[in-house]
Amino acid sequence: MISIDQIDGSVTRFLRRWSIPALRISVAVVFIWFGALKIFGVTPVTDLVASTVYWVDPDWFVPVLGVAELVVGLGLLFRVMLRTVLALFALQMLGTFLVLVVLPDVSFQDGNVFKLTVEGEFVVKNLVLLSAGLVVGATVGRPEPGNHDTGDGARTTATFTQV
């Protein structure tokens, strides 16, 4: 008979092995998708970006932002130049919060910071993406859990200890 502890152990081992790669890949997909929308001029956020960074011409800024997002997404997907990619990621993420400062009337209902508009929700959800980037950033310079290469072609499983 399989016990709850055995099931829990199996699920936990699975999550330890796959959660960070899944997080990295899902953030990569979001950045690739959103970046491509900006590059091809079919993003619904062009007006929001144009109003937020009103001192820059959106005709070139939005596609350039899309290229930056595409670079971040591809870097995350293929684990290429992660330190640089994550710095660009952080810069882009922090830039999204400008909407809350520059356009509070667009971000909040009736000036109430607890009552977000659709645009405000769109921006605040980036806290989750930013946190995901921090988690992925914690893996830079070392293999992701479960992907330890021993140098002789063999792989070992990561061990985790609780603090």
N, C-alpha and C. Protein backbone atom coordinates (compact mmCIF):
# COMPACT_ATOMS: atom_id res chain seq x y z
N MET A 1 0.85 -1.19 0.00
CA MET A 1 0.00 0.00 0.00
C MET A 1 0.89 1.25 0.00
N ILE A 2 0.58 2.18 -0.85
CA ILE A 2 1.34 3.43 -0.95
C ILE A 2 0.80 4.41 0.09
N SER A 3 1.72 5.00 0.84
CA SER A 3 1.30 5.93 1.89
C SER A 3 1.26 7.37 1.34
N ILE A 4 0.59 8.21 2.09
CA ILE A 4 0.52 9.63 1.75
C ILE A 4 1.93 10.22 1.73
N ASP A 5 2.78 9.81 2.67
CA ASP A 5 4.16 10.32 2.73
C ASP A 5 4.94 9.93 1.48
N GLN A 6 4.73 8.74 0.95
CA GLN A 6 5.41 8.32 -0.28
C GLN A 6 4.94 9.15 -1.47
N ILE A 7 3.64 9.36 -1.55
CA ILE A 7 3.09 10.20 -2.63
C ILE A 7 3.63 11.61 -2.51
N ASP A 8 3.60 12.15 -1.27
CA ASP A 8 4.11 13.48 -1.04
C ASP A 8 5.59 13.57 -1.41
N GLY A 9 6.37 12.59 -1.08
CA GLY A 9 7.79 12.56 -1.42
C GLY A 9 8.01 12.54 -2.92
N SER A 10 7.20 11.75 -3.61
CA SER A 10 7.32 11.67 -5.08
C SER A 10 6.95 13.00 -5.73
N VAL A 11 5.88 13.60 -5.26
CA VAL A 11 5.45 14.89 -5.82
C VAL A 11 6.51 15.95 -5.53
N THR A 12 7.04 15.96 -4.33
CA THR A 12 8.06 16.94 -3.96
C THR A 12 9.32 16.77 -4.80
N ARG A 13 9.75 15.54 -5.01
CA ARG A 13 10.92 15.30 -5.86
C ARG A 13 10.67 15.77 -7.29
N PHE A 14 9.48 15.50 -7.80
CA PHE A 14 9.11 15.95 -9.14
C PHE A 14 9.16 17.48 -9.22
N LEU A 15 8.58 18.15 -8.23
CA LEU A 15 8.56 19.61 -8.22
C LEU A 15 9.97 20.18 -8.11
N ARG A 16 10.81 19.58 -7.28
CA ARG A 16 12.20 20.05 -7.16
C ARG A 16 12.93 19.92 -8.49
N ARG A 17 12.63 18.90 -9.22
CA ARG A 17 13.31 18.66 -10.50
C ARG A 17 12.82 19.60 -11.59
N TRP A 18 11.51 19.85 -11.64
CA TRP A 18 10.93 20.52 -12.80
C TRP A 18 10.42 21.94 -12.58
N SER A 19 10.27 22.39 -11.34
CA SER A 19 9.64 23.70 -11.11
C SER A 19 10.47 24.87 -11.65
N ILE A 20 11.76 24.90 -11.40
CA ILE A 20 12.56 26.03 -11.88
C ILE A 20 12.68 26.01 -13.40
N PRO A 21 12.97 24.86 -14.03
CA PRO A 21 12.95 24.88 -15.50
C PRO A 21 11.59 25.30 -16.07
N ALA A 22 10.50 24.85 -15.46
CA ALA A 22 9.17 25.24 -15.94
C ALA A 22 8.94 26.74 -15.78
N LEU A 23 9.41 27.28 -14.66
CA LEU A 23 9.28 28.71 -14.43
C LEU A 23 10.08 29.50 -15.46
N ARG A 24 11.32 29.09 -15.69
CA ARG A 24 12.19 29.76 -16.66
C ARG A 24 11.58 29.72 -18.05
N ILE A 25 11.08 28.56 -18.45
CA ILE A 25 10.52 28.40 -19.79
C ILE A 25 9.21 29.18 -19.93
N SER A 26 8.38 29.18 -18.90
CA SER A 26 7.11 29.91 -19.01
C SER A 26 7.34 31.42 -19.08
N VAL A 27 8.30 31.94 -18.32
CA VAL A 27 8.63 33.36 -18.42
C VAL A 27 9.20 33.65 -19.80
N ALA A 28 10.02 32.74 -20.32
CA ALA A 28 10.58 32.91 -21.67
C ALA A 28 9.47 32.99 -22.71
N VAL A 29 8.48 32.12 -22.61
CA VAL A 29 7.37 32.12 -23.57
C VAL A 29 6.61 33.44 -23.50
N VAL A 30 6.36 33.94 -22.30
CA VAL A 30 5.65 35.21 -22.15
C VAL A 30 6.45 36.33 -22.82
N PHE A 31 7.76 36.39 -22.58
CA PHE A 31 8.57 37.45 -23.16
C PHE A 31 8.67 37.33 -24.68
N ILE A 32 8.82 36.12 -25.18
CA ILE A 32 8.88 35.92 -26.64
C ILE A 32 7.55 36.34 -27.27
N TRP A 33 6.47 35.93 -26.69
CA TRP A 33 5.14 36.23 -27.22
C TRP A 33 4.87 37.74 -27.19
N PHE A 34 5.06 38.36 -26.02
CA PHE A 34 4.79 39.79 -25.91
C PHE A 34 5.74 40.59 -26.79
N GLY A 35 7.00 40.16 -26.85
CA GLY A 35 7.97 40.85 -27.70
C GLY A 35 7.59 40.78 -29.17
N ALA A 36 7.17 39.60 -29.61
CA ALA A 36 6.77 39.42 -31.01
C ALA A 36 5.57 40.31 -31.35
N LEU A 37 4.62 40.41 -30.43
CA LEU A 37 3.46 41.27 -30.66
C LEU A 37 3.89 42.72 -30.89
N LYS A 38 4.89 43.16 -30.12
CA LYS A 38 5.38 44.53 -30.28
C LYS A 38 6.14 44.70 -31.58
N ILE A 39 6.96 43.73 -31.93
CA ILE A 39 7.74 43.80 -33.17
C ILE A 39 6.83 43.86 -34.39
N PHE A 40 5.77 43.07 -34.39
CA PHE A 40 4.86 43.02 -35.54
C PHE A 40 3.76 44.07 -35.49
N GLY A 41 3.80 44.93 -34.47
CA GLY A 41 2.86 46.04 -34.39
C GLY A 41 1.43 45.64 -34.08
N VAL A 42 1.24 44.53 -33.39
CA VAL A 42 -0.12 44.08 -33.07
C VAL A 42 -0.36 43.97 -31.57
N THR A 43 0.47 44.65 -30.79
CA THR A 43 0.29 44.61 -29.34
C THR A 43 -0.82 45.56 -28.91
N PRO A 44 -1.60 45.17 -27.93
CA PRO A 44 -2.64 46.08 -27.44
C PRO A 44 -2.11 47.14 -26.47
N VAL A 45 -0.80 47.12 -26.17
CA VAL A 45 -0.26 48.06 -25.18
C VAL A 45 0.48 49.25 -25.80
N THR A 46 0.43 49.39 -27.11
CA THR A 46 1.16 50.49 -27.75
C THR A 46 0.76 51.84 -27.17
N ASP A 47 -0.53 52.09 -27.05
CA ASP A 47 -0.99 53.39 -26.52
C ASP A 47 -0.54 53.58 -25.07
N LEU A 48 -0.58 52.51 -24.28
CA LEU A 48 -0.15 52.59 -22.89
C LEU A 48 1.34 52.91 -22.80
N VAL A 49 2.15 52.24 -23.61
CA VAL A 49 3.59 52.50 -23.65
C VAL A 49 3.83 53.93 -24.12
N ALA A 50 3.15 54.34 -25.17
CA ALA A 50 3.32 55.69 -25.73
C ALA A 50 2.96 56.76 -24.71
N SER A 51 1.91 56.52 -23.94
CA SER A 51 1.50 57.50 -22.93
C SER A 51 2.45 57.51 -21.73
N THR A 52 3.03 56.37 -21.43
CA THR A 52 3.92 56.27 -20.27
C THR A 52 5.28 56.89 -20.55
N VAL A 53 5.86 56.56 -21.68
CA VAL A 53 7.17 57.13 -22.06
C VAL A 53 6.92 58.12 -23.19
N TYR A 54 6.14 59.15 -22.88
CA TYR A 54 5.67 60.12 -23.87
C TYR A 54 6.80 60.92 -24.52
N TRP A 55 7.98 60.90 -23.94
CA TRP A 55 9.10 61.65 -24.50
C TRP A 55 9.84 60.88 -25.59
N VAL A 56 9.38 59.65 -25.89
CA VAL A 56 10.02 58.81 -26.91
C VAL A 56 8.99 58.47 -27.98
N ASP A 57 9.41 58.47 -29.24
CA ASP A 57 8.52 58.15 -30.36
C ASP A 57 8.15 56.66 -30.31
N PRO A 58 6.87 56.35 -30.11
CA PRO A 58 6.46 54.95 -30.00
C PRO A 58 6.63 54.16 -31.29
N ASP A 59 6.72 54.85 -32.44
CA ASP A 59 6.88 54.13 -33.71
C ASP A 59 8.17 53.33 -33.75
N TRP A 60 9.20 53.80 -33.06
CA TRP A 60 10.44 53.02 -33.01
C TRP A 60 10.64 52.40 -31.63
N PHE A 61 10.12 53.05 -30.56
CA PHE A 61 10.36 52.54 -29.21
C PHE A 61 9.65 51.22 -28.95
N VAL A 62 8.41 51.10 -29.34
CA VAL A 62 7.66 49.87 -29.08
C VAL A 62 8.30 48.66 -29.77
N PRO A 63 8.67 48.75 -31.07
CA PRO A 63 9.37 47.61 -31.68
C PRO A 63 10.73 47.31 -31.02
N VAL A 64 11.47 48.35 -30.62
CA VAL A 64 12.75 48.12 -29.94
C VAL A 64 12.52 47.43 -28.60
N LEU A 65 11.49 47.86 -27.89
CA LEU A 65 11.11 47.19 -26.65
C LEU A 65 10.76 45.72 -26.93
N GLY A 66 10.08 45.48 -28.05
CA GLY A 66 9.75 44.12 -28.44
C GLY A 66 10.99 43.29 -28.70
N VAL A 67 11.98 43.87 -29.36
CA VAL A 67 13.24 43.15 -29.62
C VAL A 67 13.92 42.82 -28.29
N ALA A 68 13.95 43.78 -27.38
CA ALA A 68 14.55 43.54 -26.06
C ALA A 68 13.82 42.39 -25.35
N GLU A 69 12.51 42.38 -25.42
CA GLU A 69 11.73 41.31 -24.79
C GLU A 69 12.01 39.97 -25.46
N LEU A 70 12.13 39.99 -26.78
CA LEU A 70 12.45 38.77 -27.51
C LEU A 70 13.82 38.24 -27.11
N VAL A 71 14.79 39.13 -26.97
CA VAL A 71 16.14 38.74 -26.53
C VAL A 71 16.08 38.12 -25.13
N VAL A 72 15.33 38.75 -24.24
CA VAL A 72 15.17 38.20 -22.89
C VAL A 72 14.54 36.81 -22.95
N GLY A 73 13.48 36.69 -23.71
CA GLY A 73 12.79 35.40 -23.81
C GLY A 73 13.69 34.31 -24.38
N LEU A 74 14.40 34.61 -25.44
CA LEU A 74 15.28 33.61 -26.06
C LEU A 74 16.45 33.27 -25.13
N GLY A 75 16.98 34.28 -24.44
CA GLY A 75 18.06 34.03 -23.48
C GLY A 75 17.61 33.13 -22.35
N LEU A 76 16.41 33.37 -21.84
CA LEU A 76 15.86 32.52 -20.80
C LEU A 76 15.60 31.10 -21.32
N LEU A 77 15.03 31.03 -22.50
CA LEU A 77 14.68 29.72 -23.06
C LEU A 77 15.91 28.84 -23.26
N PHE A 78 16.97 29.44 -23.79
CA PHE A 78 18.16 28.66 -24.12
C PHE A 78 19.28 28.82 -23.09
N ARG A 79 19.01 29.54 -21.99
CA ARG A 79 20.00 29.77 -20.92
C ARG A 79 21.29 30.36 -21.48
N VAL A 80 21.15 31.39 -22.29
CA VAL A 80 22.29 32.05 -22.91
C VAL A 80 22.50 33.41 -22.24
N MET A 81 23.71 33.68 -21.83
CA MET A 81 24.06 34.97 -21.22
C MET A 81 23.05 35.39 -20.16
N LEU A 82 22.73 34.49 -19.25
CA LEU A 82 21.65 34.72 -18.30
C LEU A 82 21.86 35.96 -17.44
N ARG A 83 23.08 36.26 -17.03
CA ARG A 83 23.29 37.45 -16.20
C ARG A 83 22.87 38.71 -16.97
N THR A 84 23.30 38.81 -18.20
CA THR A 84 22.95 39.97 -19.03
C THR A 84 21.45 39.99 -19.33
N VAL A 85 20.92 38.86 -19.68
CA VAL A 85 19.49 38.73 -19.98
C VAL A 85 18.65 39.10 -18.77
N LEU A 86 19.05 38.64 -17.59
CA LEU A 86 18.28 38.94 -16.39
C LEU A 86 18.40 40.42 -15.99
N ALA A 87 19.53 41.04 -16.30
CA ALA A 87 19.65 42.49 -16.05
C ALA A 87 18.69 43.25 -16.97
N LEU A 88 18.65 42.86 -18.24
CA LEU A 88 17.71 43.47 -19.18
C LEU A 88 16.27 43.19 -18.76
N PHE A 89 16.02 41.98 -18.30
CA PHE A 89 14.70 41.58 -17.79
C PHE A 89 14.29 42.50 -16.64
N ALA A 90 15.19 42.70 -15.67
CA ALA A 90 14.87 43.53 -14.50
C ALA A 90 14.60 44.97 -14.92
N LEU A 91 15.41 45.48 -15.83
CA LEU A 91 15.22 46.84 -16.33
C LEU A 91 13.85 46.99 -16.99
N GLN A 92 13.50 46.04 -17.84
CA GLN A 92 12.21 46.08 -18.52
C GLN A 92 11.07 45.97 -17.52
N MET A 93 11.20 45.07 -16.56
CA MET A 93 10.15 44.89 -15.56
C MET A 93 9.95 46.16 -14.73
N LEU A 94 11.07 46.75 -14.29
CA LEU A 94 10.96 47.98 -13.50
C LEU A 94 10.34 49.10 -14.33
N GLY A 95 10.65 49.12 -15.62
CA GLY A 95 10.07 50.12 -16.51
C GLY A 95 8.56 50.02 -16.60
N THR A 96 8.02 48.82 -16.47
CA THR A 96 6.57 48.67 -16.55
C THR A 96 5.86 49.37 -15.40
N PHE A 97 6.55 49.49 -14.27
CA PHE A 97 5.92 50.13 -13.11
C PHE A 97 5.83 51.64 -13.25
N LEU A 98 6.48 52.20 -14.28
CA LEU A 98 6.34 53.63 -14.56
C LEU A 98 4.88 54.01 -14.79
N VAL A 99 4.11 53.08 -15.32
CA VAL A 99 2.69 53.35 -15.58
C VAL A 99 2.00 53.80 -14.30
N LEU A 100 2.32 53.16 -13.19
CA LEU A 100 1.67 53.49 -11.92
C LEU A 100 2.03 54.90 -11.46
N VAL A 101 3.23 55.36 -11.82
CA VAL A 101 3.71 56.68 -11.39
C VAL A 101 3.30 57.76 -12.39
N VAL A 102 3.54 57.49 -13.68
CA VAL A 102 3.29 58.49 -14.71
C VAL A 102 1.81 58.62 -15.04
N LEU A 103 1.08 57.52 -14.97
CA LEU A 103 -0.34 57.52 -15.34
C LEU A 103 -1.22 56.98 -14.22
N PRO A 104 -1.21 57.61 -13.06
CA PRO A 104 -2.05 57.08 -11.97
C PRO A 104 -3.53 57.08 -12.31
N ASP A 105 -3.97 58.04 -13.13
CA ASP A 105 -5.38 58.09 -13.52
C ASP A 105 -5.77 56.91 -14.40
N VAL A 106 -4.79 56.32 -15.09
CA VAL A 106 -5.04 55.15 -15.92
C VAL A 106 -4.89 53.87 -15.10
N SER A 107 -4.12 53.92 -14.03
CA SER A 107 -3.80 52.73 -13.23
C SER A 107 -4.79 52.45 -12.12
N PHE A 108 -5.38 53.53 -11.57
CA PHE A 108 -6.22 53.38 -10.39
C PHE A 108 -7.59 54.00 -10.62
N GLN A 109 -8.62 53.35 -10.08
CA GLN A 109 -9.98 53.86 -10.18
C GLN A 109 -10.18 54.96 -9.14
N ASP A 110 -10.66 56.10 -9.58
CA ASP A 110 -10.99 57.22 -8.69
C ASP A 110 -9.81 57.64 -7.81
N GLY A 111 -8.58 57.42 -8.28
CA GLY A 111 -7.40 57.79 -7.51
C GLY A 111 -7.12 56.91 -6.31
N ASN A 112 -7.85 55.84 -6.16
CA ASN A 112 -7.69 54.92 -5.02
C ASN A 112 -6.67 53.84 -5.39
N VAL A 113 -5.52 53.81 -4.70
CA VAL A 113 -4.46 52.87 -5.05
C VAL A 113 -4.84 51.41 -4.79
N PHE A 114 -5.91 51.17 -4.08
CA PHE A 114 -6.36 49.81 -3.83
C PHE A 114 -7.35 49.32 -4.88
N LYS A 115 -7.82 50.24 -5.73
CA LYS A 115 -8.77 49.89 -6.78
C LYS A 115 -8.09 50.04 -8.14
N LEU A 116 -7.51 48.93 -8.58
CA LEU A 116 -6.78 48.94 -9.85
C LEU A 116 -7.74 48.91 -11.04
N THR A 117 -7.32 49.55 -12.11
CA THR A 117 -8.00 49.42 -13.39
C THR A 117 -7.44 48.19 -14.09
N VAL A 118 -7.95 47.88 -15.27
CA VAL A 118 -7.40 46.77 -16.05
C VAL A 118 -5.91 47.01 -16.32
N GLU A 119 -5.56 48.22 -16.68
CA GLU A 119 -4.16 48.56 -16.93
C GLU A 119 -3.33 48.42 -15.66
N GLY A 120 -3.90 48.86 -14.55
CA GLY A 120 -3.20 48.73 -13.27
C GLY A 120 -2.95 47.27 -12.91
N GLU A 121 -3.95 46.42 -13.12
CA GLU A 121 -3.78 44.99 -12.88
C GLU A 121 -2.72 44.40 -13.80
N PHE A 122 -2.72 44.83 -15.05
CA PHE A 122 -1.73 44.37 -16.02
C PHE A 122 -0.33 44.67 -15.53
N VAL A 123 -0.14 45.84 -14.92
CA VAL A 123 1.18 46.23 -14.42
C VAL A 123 1.52 45.50 -13.12
N VAL A 124 0.60 45.48 -12.18
CA VAL A 124 0.88 44.88 -10.87
C VAL A 124 1.16 43.39 -10.97
N LYS A 125 0.58 42.70 -11.92
CA LYS A 125 0.88 41.27 -12.07
C LYS A 125 2.34 41.05 -12.43
N ASN A 126 3.02 42.10 -12.88
CA ASN A 126 4.44 41.97 -13.18
C ASN A 126 5.28 41.72 -11.93
N LEU A 127 4.70 41.94 -10.74
CA LEU A 127 5.40 41.55 -9.52
C LEU A 127 5.70 40.05 -9.53
N VAL A 128 4.77 39.27 -10.06
CA VAL A 128 4.97 37.83 -10.15
C VAL A 128 6.09 37.51 -11.14
N LEU A 129 6.08 38.17 -12.29
CA LEU A 129 7.15 37.96 -13.26
C LEU A 129 8.50 38.38 -12.69
N LEU A 130 8.52 39.49 -11.98
CA LEU A 130 9.76 39.96 -11.38
C LEU A 130 10.28 38.95 -10.36
N SER A 131 9.40 38.42 -9.55
CA SER A 131 9.78 37.39 -8.59
C SER A 131 10.27 36.13 -9.29
N ALA A 132 9.62 35.77 -10.38
CA ALA A 132 10.06 34.60 -11.16
C ALA A 132 11.47 34.83 -11.69
N GLY A 133 11.76 36.04 -12.13
CA GLY A 133 13.10 36.37 -12.59
C GLY A 133 14.13 36.24 -11.48
N LEU A 134 13.74 36.61 -10.26
CA LEU A 134 14.65 36.46 -9.12
C LEU A 134 14.96 34.99 -8.85
N VAL A 135 13.95 34.15 -8.94
CA VAL A 135 14.15 32.72 -8.73
C VAL A 135 15.07 32.15 -9.81
N VAL A 136 14.80 32.50 -11.06
CA VAL A 136 15.65 32.03 -12.16
C VAL A 136 17.06 32.59 -11.98
N GLY A 137 17.17 33.84 -11.56
CA GLY A 137 18.47 34.45 -11.33
C GLY A 137 19.29 33.71 -10.28
N ALA A 138 18.60 33.10 -9.33
CA ALA A 138 19.30 32.34 -8.29
C ALA A 138 19.98 31.09 -8.85
N THR A 139 19.64 30.70 -10.08
CA THR A 139 20.24 29.51 -10.68
C THR A 139 21.43 29.83 -11.56
N VAL A 140 21.72 31.13 -11.77
CA VAL A 140 22.82 31.52 -12.65
C VAL A 140 24.14 31.03 -12.05
N GLY A 141 24.95 30.44 -12.90
CA GLY A 141 26.25 29.97 -12.45
C GLY A 141 26.23 28.57 -11.90
N ARG A 142 25.07 27.96 -11.87
CA ARG A 142 24.98 26.56 -11.44
C ARG A 142 23.85 25.90 -12.21
N PRO A 143 23.93 24.59 -12.33
CA PRO A 143 22.85 23.90 -13.05
C PRO A 143 21.53 24.03 -12.30
N GLU A 144 20.46 23.89 -13.03
CA GLU A 144 19.15 23.88 -12.39
C GLU A 144 19.02 22.60 -11.59
N PRO A 145 18.11 22.56 -10.60
CA PRO A 145 17.94 21.37 -9.79
C PRO A 145 17.76 20.11 -10.65
N GLY A 146 18.49 19.08 -10.28
CA GLY A 146 18.36 17.81 -10.98
C GLY A 146 19.20 17.71 -12.24
N ASN A 147 19.93 18.76 -12.60
CA ASN A 147 20.71 18.76 -13.83
C ASN A 147 22.21 18.87 -13.56
N HIS A 148 22.70 18.26 -12.53
CA HIS A 148 24.11 18.37 -12.19
C HIS A 148 24.94 17.43 -13.05
N ASP A 149 25.83 17.99 -13.82
CA ASP A 149 26.73 17.22 -14.66
C ASP A 149 27.98 16.92 -13.85
N THR A 150 28.35 15.65 -13.73
CA THR A 150 29.51 15.26 -12.92
C THR A 150 30.80 15.39 -13.69
N GLY A 151 30.72 15.72 -14.97
CA GLY A 151 31.93 15.88 -15.78
C GLY A 151 32.32 14.61 -16.52
N ASP A 152 31.78 13.49 -16.12
CA ASP A 152 32.13 12.24 -16.80
C ASP A 152 30.96 11.68 -17.62
N GLY A 153 30.02 12.59 -17.92
CA GLY A 153 28.87 12.18 -18.72
C GLY A 153 27.71 11.70 -17.88
N ALA A 154 27.96 11.44 -16.60
CA ALA A 154 26.88 10.98 -15.71
C ALA A 154 26.19 12.19 -15.12
N ARG A 155 24.98 11.99 -14.68
CA ARG A 155 24.25 13.07 -14.03
C ARG A 155 23.89 12.62 -12.62
N THR A 156 23.90 13.57 -11.73
CA THR A 156 23.48 13.28 -10.37
C THR A 156 22.22 14.06 -10.11
N THR A 157 21.49 13.64 -9.10
CA THR A 157 20.28 14.34 -8.72
C THR A 157 20.62 15.33 -7.63
N ALA A 158 20.03 16.51 -7.72
CA ALA A 158 20.30 17.54 -6.73
C ALA A 158 19.76 17.11 -5.37
N THR A 159 20.46 17.53 -4.35
CA THR A 159 19.96 17.30 -3.01
C THR A 159 19.66 18.66 -2.40
N PHE A 160 18.62 18.72 -1.63
CA PHE A 160 18.19 19.96 -1.01
C PHE A 160 18.12 19.74 0.48
N THR A 161 18.51 20.73 1.22
CA THR A 161 18.37 20.66 2.67
C THR A 161 17.51 21.82 3.10
N GLN A 162 16.78 21.61 4.15
CA GLN A 162 15.97 22.69 4.69
C GLN A 162 16.79 23.43 5.73
N VAL A 163 16.59 24.74 5.77
CA VAL A 163 17.30 25.56 6.75
C VAL A 163 16.41 25.84 7.92
